[in-house]
N, C-alpha and C. Protein backbone atom coordinates (compact mmCIF):
# COMPACT_ATOMS: atom_id res chain seq x y z
N MET A 1 91.73 97.38 85.43
CA MET A 1 90.45 96.90 85.95
C MET A 1 89.92 97.99 86.88
N ILE A 2 88.65 98.35 86.69
CA ILE A 2 87.95 99.29 87.53
C ILE A 2 86.93 98.52 88.34
N ARG A 3 86.90 98.77 89.66
CA ARG A 3 85.90 98.05 90.52
C ARG A 3 85.53 98.93 91.70
N VAL A 4 84.51 98.54 92.38
CA VAL A 4 84.03 99.27 93.59
C VAL A 4 85.12 99.25 94.67
N MET A 5 85.30 100.39 95.27
CA MET A 5 86.26 100.51 96.41
C MET A 5 85.63 99.93 97.65
N THR A 6 86.45 99.24 98.45
CA THR A 6 86.08 98.75 99.77
C THR A 6 87.10 99.28 100.79
N ILE A 7 86.78 99.19 102.03
CA ILE A 7 87.71 99.62 103.05
C ILE A 7 89.03 98.82 103.02
N ASP A 8 88.97 97.61 102.48
CA ASP A 8 90.23 96.83 102.33
C ASP A 8 91.23 97.48 101.35
N ASP A 9 90.74 98.43 100.55
CA ASP A 9 91.58 99.14 99.62
C ASP A 9 92.27 100.37 100.26
N TYR A 10 91.92 100.67 101.48
CA TYR A 10 92.33 101.93 102.12
C TYR A 10 93.84 102.12 102.06
N ASP A 11 94.62 101.13 102.44
CA ASP A 11 96.08 101.35 102.49
C ASP A 11 96.64 101.71 101.11
N GLY A 12 96.19 101.01 100.10
CA GLY A 12 96.64 101.30 98.71
C GLY A 12 96.18 102.67 98.21
N VAL A 13 94.91 103.03 98.55
CA VAL A 13 94.40 104.34 98.18
C VAL A 13 95.14 105.45 98.88
N ASN A 14 95.36 105.29 100.17
CA ASN A 14 96.06 106.28 100.95
C ASN A 14 97.49 106.45 100.42
N LYS A 15 98.14 105.38 100.10
CA LYS A 15 99.48 105.45 99.55
C LYS A 15 99.46 106.23 98.21
N LEU A 16 98.47 105.99 97.37
CA LEU A 16 98.33 106.72 96.11
C LEU A 16 98.10 108.20 96.40
N TRP A 17 97.18 108.53 97.32
CA TRP A 17 96.93 109.93 97.63
C TRP A 17 98.22 110.68 97.99
N HIS A 18 99.08 110.01 98.71
CA HIS A 18 100.34 110.67 99.17
C HIS A 18 101.32 110.83 98.05
N THR A 19 101.11 110.26 96.88
CA THR A 19 102.03 110.46 95.73
C THR A 19 101.59 111.58 94.82
N ILE A 20 100.40 112.12 95.02
CA ILE A 20 99.84 113.11 94.13
C ILE A 20 100.23 114.53 94.60
N HIS A 21 101.02 115.21 93.78
CA HIS A 21 101.48 116.56 94.12
C HIS A 21 100.31 117.50 94.20
N GLY A 22 100.28 118.34 95.26
CA GLY A 22 99.23 119.31 95.43
C GLY A 22 97.92 118.76 95.98
N PHE A 23 97.86 117.49 96.29
CA PHE A 23 96.67 116.82 96.79
C PHE A 23 96.47 117.24 98.25
N ALA A 24 95.23 117.54 98.63
CA ALA A 24 94.92 117.92 100.01
C ALA A 24 94.17 116.81 100.72
N LEU A 25 94.68 116.46 101.89
CA LEU A 25 94.07 115.39 102.73
C LEU A 25 93.67 115.97 104.05
N ARG A 26 92.53 115.54 104.58
CA ARG A 26 92.10 115.96 105.90
C ARG A 26 92.39 114.86 106.90
N SER A 27 92.89 115.27 108.09
CA SER A 27 93.33 114.31 109.07
C SER A 27 92.25 113.36 109.54
N MET A 28 91.00 113.83 109.61
CA MET A 28 89.91 112.98 110.12
C MET A 28 89.10 112.35 108.96
N ASP A 29 88.70 113.19 108.01
CA ASP A 29 87.87 112.73 106.90
C ASP A 29 88.56 111.67 106.04
N ASP A 30 89.87 111.83 105.90
CA ASP A 30 90.61 110.92 105.05
C ASP A 30 91.37 109.82 105.78
N SER A 31 91.10 109.72 107.10
CA SER A 31 91.63 108.64 107.89
C SER A 31 90.89 107.37 107.50
N ARG A 32 91.39 106.21 107.95
CA ARG A 32 90.69 104.94 107.68
C ARG A 32 89.25 105.01 108.22
N GLU A 33 89.05 105.52 109.38
CA GLU A 33 87.73 105.62 109.97
C GLU A 33 86.80 106.55 109.17
N GLY A 34 87.38 107.69 108.73
CA GLY A 34 86.58 108.61 107.92
C GLY A 34 86.14 108.02 106.57
N VAL A 35 87.07 107.37 105.94
CA VAL A 35 86.79 106.72 104.63
C VAL A 35 85.81 105.57 104.84
N GLU A 36 85.97 104.82 105.89
CA GLU A 36 85.03 103.72 106.15
C GLU A 36 83.63 104.27 106.36
N ARG A 37 83.45 105.37 107.07
CA ARG A 37 82.10 105.98 107.21
C ARG A 37 81.54 106.35 105.85
N PHE A 38 82.40 106.99 105.01
CA PHE A 38 81.95 107.41 103.70
C PHE A 38 81.49 106.21 102.87
N LEU A 39 82.31 105.15 102.87
CA LEU A 39 82.00 103.96 102.08
C LEU A 39 80.73 103.24 102.61
N LYS A 40 80.51 103.26 103.89
CA LYS A 40 79.26 102.64 104.43
C LYS A 40 78.03 103.43 103.94
N ARG A 41 78.17 104.73 103.89
CA ARG A 41 77.05 105.55 103.40
C ARG A 41 76.86 105.42 101.90
N ASN A 42 77.94 105.18 101.19
CA ASN A 42 77.95 105.08 99.72
C ASN A 42 78.66 103.80 99.30
N PRO A 43 78.05 102.65 99.52
CA PRO A 43 78.72 101.39 99.30
C PRO A 43 79.02 100.97 97.88
N SER A 44 78.37 101.58 96.87
CA SER A 44 78.55 101.07 95.51
C SER A 44 79.02 102.10 94.54
N THR A 45 79.40 103.29 94.98
CA THR A 45 79.69 104.37 94.04
C THR A 45 81.16 104.80 93.97
N SER A 46 82.01 104.44 94.94
CA SER A 46 83.40 104.79 94.91
C SER A 46 84.18 103.69 94.18
N VAL A 47 85.28 104.07 93.53
CA VAL A 47 86.02 103.09 92.72
C VAL A 47 87.52 103.15 92.90
N VAL A 48 88.16 102.06 92.51
CA VAL A 48 89.59 102.02 92.38
C VAL A 48 89.92 101.43 91.02
N ALA A 49 91.07 101.83 90.50
CA ALA A 49 91.61 101.24 89.27
C ALA A 49 92.86 100.44 89.66
N ILE A 50 92.90 99.21 89.18
CA ILE A 50 93.99 98.30 89.51
C ILE A 50 94.77 97.99 88.18
N GLU A 51 96.08 98.19 88.24
CA GLU A 51 96.98 97.83 87.18
C GLU A 51 98.25 97.31 87.79
N ASP A 52 98.86 96.30 87.20
CA ASP A 52 100.14 95.77 87.69
C ASP A 52 100.04 95.43 89.18
N ASP A 53 98.90 94.88 89.59
CA ASP A 53 98.64 94.42 90.96
C ASP A 53 98.72 95.53 92.02
N LYS A 54 98.44 96.78 91.61
CA LYS A 54 98.39 97.87 92.59
C LYS A 54 97.33 98.85 92.22
N ILE A 55 96.92 99.63 93.21
CA ILE A 55 95.90 100.67 92.98
C ILE A 55 96.60 101.88 92.32
N VAL A 56 96.15 102.21 91.09
CA VAL A 56 96.73 103.31 90.34
C VAL A 56 95.75 104.44 90.16
N GLY A 57 94.52 104.30 90.62
CA GLY A 57 93.50 105.36 90.50
C GLY A 57 92.43 105.13 91.53
N ALA A 58 91.79 106.22 91.91
CA ALA A 58 90.72 106.13 92.90
C ALA A 58 89.79 107.34 92.84
N ILE A 59 88.54 107.12 93.14
CA ILE A 59 87.56 108.18 93.28
C ILE A 59 86.66 107.85 94.49
N LEU A 60 86.55 108.78 95.42
CA LEU A 60 85.49 108.71 96.40
C LEU A 60 84.26 109.34 95.79
N CYS A 61 83.19 108.61 95.69
CA CYS A 61 81.99 109.13 95.01
C CYS A 61 80.79 108.78 95.90
N GLY A 62 79.96 109.79 96.12
CA GLY A 62 78.78 109.56 96.92
C GLY A 62 77.65 110.52 96.53
N HIS A 63 76.58 110.42 97.26
CA HIS A 63 75.46 111.32 97.00
C HIS A 63 74.63 111.52 98.28
N ASP A 64 73.80 112.52 98.23
CA ASP A 64 72.91 112.83 99.36
C ASP A 64 71.48 112.49 99.09
N GLY A 65 71.24 111.73 97.99
CA GLY A 65 69.88 111.41 97.58
C GLY A 65 69.39 112.33 96.48
N ARG A 66 70.10 113.38 96.28
CA ARG A 66 69.67 114.40 95.27
C ARG A 66 70.80 114.71 94.27
N ARG A 67 71.99 114.91 94.78
CA ARG A 67 73.15 115.27 93.93
C ARG A 67 74.32 114.42 94.30
N GLY A 68 75.03 113.94 93.27
CA GLY A 68 76.24 113.19 93.45
C GLY A 68 77.44 114.13 93.57
N CYS A 69 78.51 113.64 94.11
CA CYS A 69 79.72 114.40 94.22
C CYS A 69 80.94 113.47 94.12
N LEU A 70 81.95 113.94 93.37
CA LEU A 70 83.20 113.19 93.23
C LEU A 70 84.25 113.90 94.12
N TYR A 71 84.97 113.07 94.86
CA TYR A 71 86.01 113.59 95.74
C TYR A 71 87.29 112.81 95.44
N HIS A 72 88.41 113.45 95.64
CA HIS A 72 89.72 112.81 95.59
C HIS A 72 89.90 111.96 94.32
N VAL A 73 89.58 112.57 93.20
CA VAL A 73 89.81 111.87 91.92
C VAL A 73 91.30 111.93 91.59
N CYS A 74 91.90 110.76 91.48
CA CYS A 74 93.35 110.79 91.18
C CYS A 74 93.79 109.53 90.40
N VAL A 75 94.82 109.72 89.62
CA VAL A 75 95.49 108.64 88.91
C VAL A 75 96.97 108.79 89.09
N ASP A 76 97.64 107.73 89.44
CA ASP A 76 99.11 107.71 89.58
C ASP A 76 99.72 108.36 88.35
N PRO A 77 100.66 109.31 88.53
CA PRO A 77 101.25 109.99 87.40
C PRO A 77 101.85 109.05 86.35
N ASP A 78 102.34 107.91 86.74
CA ASP A 78 102.92 106.96 85.77
C ASP A 78 101.86 106.23 84.90
N TYR A 79 100.59 106.39 85.28
CA TYR A 79 99.53 105.69 84.56
C TYR A 79 98.51 106.65 83.90
N ARG A 80 98.87 107.91 83.86
CA ARG A 80 97.97 108.90 83.26
C ARG A 80 98.02 108.84 81.74
N LEU A 81 96.96 109.39 81.15
CA LEU A 81 96.80 109.44 79.67
C LEU A 81 96.61 108.07 79.06
N LYS A 82 96.01 107.14 79.87
CA LYS A 82 95.70 105.81 79.38
C LYS A 82 94.21 105.53 79.46
N GLY A 83 93.42 106.56 79.80
CA GLY A 83 91.97 106.40 79.87
C GLY A 83 91.45 105.94 81.24
N ILE A 84 92.34 105.81 82.20
CA ILE A 84 91.94 105.29 83.52
C ILE A 84 91.02 106.26 84.24
N GLY A 85 91.38 107.57 84.24
CA GLY A 85 90.55 108.57 84.90
C GLY A 85 89.15 108.62 84.31
N LYS A 86 89.07 108.68 83.00
CA LYS A 86 87.77 108.69 82.34
C LYS A 86 86.96 107.44 82.64
N ALA A 87 87.59 106.30 82.60
CA ALA A 87 86.90 105.04 82.87
C ALA A 87 86.35 105.02 84.32
N MET A 88 87.11 105.54 85.24
CA MET A 88 86.62 105.61 86.63
C MET A 88 85.44 106.55 86.74
N VAL A 89 85.53 107.71 86.07
CA VAL A 89 84.41 108.68 86.12
C VAL A 89 83.14 108.05 85.53
N VAL A 90 83.27 107.37 84.38
CA VAL A 90 82.14 106.71 83.73
C VAL A 90 81.56 105.67 84.71
N TYR A 91 82.39 104.91 85.35
CA TYR A 91 81.92 103.91 86.29
C TYR A 91 81.07 104.59 87.39
N CYS A 92 81.63 105.65 87.99
CA CYS A 92 80.92 106.37 89.04
C CYS A 92 79.61 106.95 88.54
N MET A 93 79.57 107.55 87.35
CA MET A 93 78.38 108.12 86.81
C MET A 93 77.31 107.04 86.61
N ASN A 94 77.70 105.89 86.15
CA ASN A 94 76.70 104.81 85.95
C ASN A 94 76.19 104.35 87.32
N ALA A 95 77.06 104.27 88.30
CA ALA A 95 76.61 103.84 89.65
C ALA A 95 75.63 104.86 90.22
N LEU A 96 75.89 106.16 90.00
CA LEU A 96 74.97 107.19 90.43
C LEU A 96 73.65 107.14 89.69
N LYS A 97 73.69 106.87 88.39
CA LYS A 97 72.45 106.74 87.62
C LYS A 97 71.61 105.57 88.17
N GLU A 98 72.25 104.50 88.54
CA GLU A 98 71.53 103.36 89.12
C GLU A 98 70.79 103.76 90.40
N GLU A 99 71.32 104.74 91.10
CA GLU A 99 70.70 105.21 92.35
C GLU A 99 69.80 106.42 92.10
N LYS A 100 69.45 106.66 90.82
CA LYS A 100 68.52 107.72 90.41
C LYS A 100 69.02 109.14 90.73
N ILE A 101 70.36 109.33 90.66
CA ILE A 101 70.95 110.62 90.84
C ILE A 101 71.11 111.24 89.46
N ASN A 102 70.65 112.51 89.30
CA ASN A 102 70.62 113.16 87.99
C ASN A 102 71.64 114.23 87.76
N LYS A 103 72.32 114.67 88.82
CA LYS A 103 73.31 115.74 88.65
C LYS A 103 74.49 115.44 89.57
N VAL A 104 75.67 115.74 89.07
CA VAL A 104 76.89 115.40 89.78
C VAL A 104 77.82 116.65 89.77
N SER A 105 78.47 116.86 90.91
CA SER A 105 79.38 118.01 90.98
C SER A 105 80.70 117.55 91.53
N LEU A 106 81.71 118.43 91.44
CA LEU A 106 83.02 118.18 92.03
C LEU A 106 83.67 119.53 92.25
N ILE A 107 84.73 119.49 93.04
CA ILE A 107 85.52 120.72 93.29
C ILE A 107 86.95 120.40 92.84
N ALA A 108 87.51 121.28 92.06
CA ALA A 108 88.92 121.17 91.64
C ALA A 108 89.62 122.46 92.05
N PHE A 109 90.78 122.33 92.68
CA PHE A 109 91.56 123.49 93.04
C PHE A 109 91.90 124.31 91.78
N THR A 110 91.81 125.61 91.89
CA THR A 110 92.08 126.44 90.72
C THR A 110 93.50 126.27 90.19
N LYS A 111 94.44 125.93 91.06
CA LYS A 111 95.81 125.77 90.64
C LYS A 111 96.12 124.34 90.07
N ASN A 112 95.10 123.51 90.07
CA ASN A 112 95.23 122.14 89.60
C ASN A 112 95.07 122.09 88.06
N ASP A 113 96.08 122.56 87.35
CA ASP A 113 95.99 122.66 85.88
C ASP A 113 95.71 121.34 85.21
N ILE A 114 96.36 120.27 85.68
CA ILE A 114 96.18 118.94 85.05
C ILE A 114 94.72 118.49 85.26
N GLY A 115 94.24 118.61 86.51
CA GLY A 115 92.87 118.21 86.78
C GLY A 115 91.82 119.02 86.03
N ASN A 116 92.01 120.33 86.04
CA ASN A 116 91.04 121.20 85.34
C ASN A 116 91.03 120.94 83.83
N ALA A 117 92.19 120.66 83.24
CA ALA A 117 92.20 120.32 81.81
C ALA A 117 91.48 118.98 81.58
N PHE A 118 91.70 118.02 82.50
CA PHE A 118 91.03 116.72 82.38
C PHE A 118 89.47 116.92 82.37
N TRP A 119 88.96 117.66 83.35
CA TRP A 119 87.49 117.81 83.45
C TRP A 119 86.94 118.50 82.21
N LYS A 120 87.65 119.49 81.72
CA LYS A 120 87.21 120.18 80.49
C LYS A 120 87.22 119.24 79.31
N ARG A 121 88.32 118.44 79.20
CA ARG A 121 88.46 117.50 78.08
C ARG A 121 87.35 116.47 78.02
N ILE A 122 86.88 116.02 79.20
CA ILE A 122 85.86 114.94 79.16
C ILE A 122 84.43 115.51 79.24
N GLY A 123 84.26 116.83 79.07
CA GLY A 123 82.93 117.40 78.89
C GLY A 123 82.26 117.99 80.11
N TRP A 124 82.96 118.16 81.19
CA TRP A 124 82.36 118.80 82.38
C TRP A 124 82.35 120.32 82.17
N THR A 125 81.36 120.98 82.79
CA THR A 125 81.20 122.42 82.64
C THR A 125 81.64 123.11 83.91
N LYS A 126 82.51 124.10 83.76
CA LYS A 126 82.93 124.90 84.88
C LYS A 126 81.83 125.92 85.18
N ARG A 127 81.38 125.96 86.39
CA ARG A 127 80.31 126.90 86.80
C ARG A 127 80.87 128.27 87.09
N GLU A 128 80.26 129.25 86.55
CA GLU A 128 80.67 130.64 86.76
C GLU A 128 79.55 131.40 87.49
N ASP A 129 78.43 130.74 87.75
CA ASP A 129 77.26 131.39 88.27
C ASP A 129 77.04 131.27 89.75
N LEU A 130 78.02 130.72 90.46
CA LEU A 130 77.87 130.58 91.90
C LEU A 130 79.18 130.74 92.63
N ASN A 131 79.11 130.96 93.92
CA ASN A 131 80.26 131.00 94.78
C ASN A 131 80.19 129.77 95.66
N TYR A 132 81.35 129.22 95.94
CA TYR A 132 81.42 128.03 96.80
C TYR A 132 81.82 128.49 98.20
N TYR A 133 81.06 128.11 99.18
CA TYR A 133 81.31 128.45 100.59
C TYR A 133 81.46 127.17 101.40
N ASP A 134 82.24 127.24 102.46
CA ASP A 134 82.24 126.17 103.42
C ASP A 134 82.45 126.71 104.82
N PHE A 135 82.18 125.89 105.82
CA PHE A 135 82.27 126.25 107.22
C PHE A 135 82.86 125.10 107.94
N THR A 136 83.90 125.30 108.71
CA THR A 136 84.55 124.25 109.42
C THR A 136 83.89 123.98 110.77
N LEU A 137 83.33 122.79 110.95
CA LEU A 137 82.71 122.42 112.21
C LEU A 137 83.68 121.85 113.21
N ASN A 138 84.77 121.32 112.72
CA ASN A 138 85.74 120.67 113.61
C ASN A 138 87.16 121.09 113.19
N GLU A 139 87.73 121.96 113.94
CA GLU A 139 89.09 122.49 113.67
C GLU A 139 90.17 121.39 113.73
N SER A 140 89.86 120.28 114.39
CA SER A 140 90.84 119.17 114.47
C SER A 140 91.03 118.43 113.15
N ASN A 141 90.13 118.64 112.19
CA ASN A 141 90.20 118.01 110.92
C ASN A 141 91.17 118.78 110.01
N ILE A 142 92.46 118.62 110.28
CA ILE A 142 93.51 119.41 109.66
C ILE A 142 93.73 119.03 108.18
N VAL A 143 93.91 120.03 107.40
CA VAL A 143 94.22 119.83 105.98
C VAL A 143 95.74 119.87 105.79
N LYS A 144 96.25 118.88 105.07
CA LYS A 144 97.66 118.83 104.73
C LYS A 144 97.78 118.66 103.21
N PHE A 145 98.57 119.53 102.59
CA PHE A 145 98.80 119.42 101.16
C PHE A 145 100.07 118.65 100.91
N ASN A 146 100.04 117.72 99.93
CA ASN A 146 101.24 117.04 99.49
C ASN A 146 102.10 117.99 98.69
N GLU A 147 103.34 118.09 99.06
CA GLU A 147 104.29 118.97 98.34
C GLU A 147 104.93 118.25 97.20
């Protein structure tokens, strides 16, 4: 079952995030408070996948009024290759269409072979025409990678 994510899902989503090898989490942005802020700004576009009475997939999805973005797309390794990831992406894309968003982007780590193969397989285009830049406004927002 795929449905809209709420803050009540946080513990299950956070537990899932910590099972994904190579996944990067930020101490502030991915805290309960950070996710709650994100969901309040984007109340109908983030999703969870439920199987066997637990959260087995999740996507934080939002937009700025012009472009949508997918964050933290993940599926429990024991539930992969069952169409859950694609179903969640389709759900998010339809939610963004409802909000009149016409373009969606995401960032995948270059070393994320499984994720990059997934995006290619479901028809996303890897951009070669731009560079991605970021600037850290708050050094306290520490990134930790799951080993």
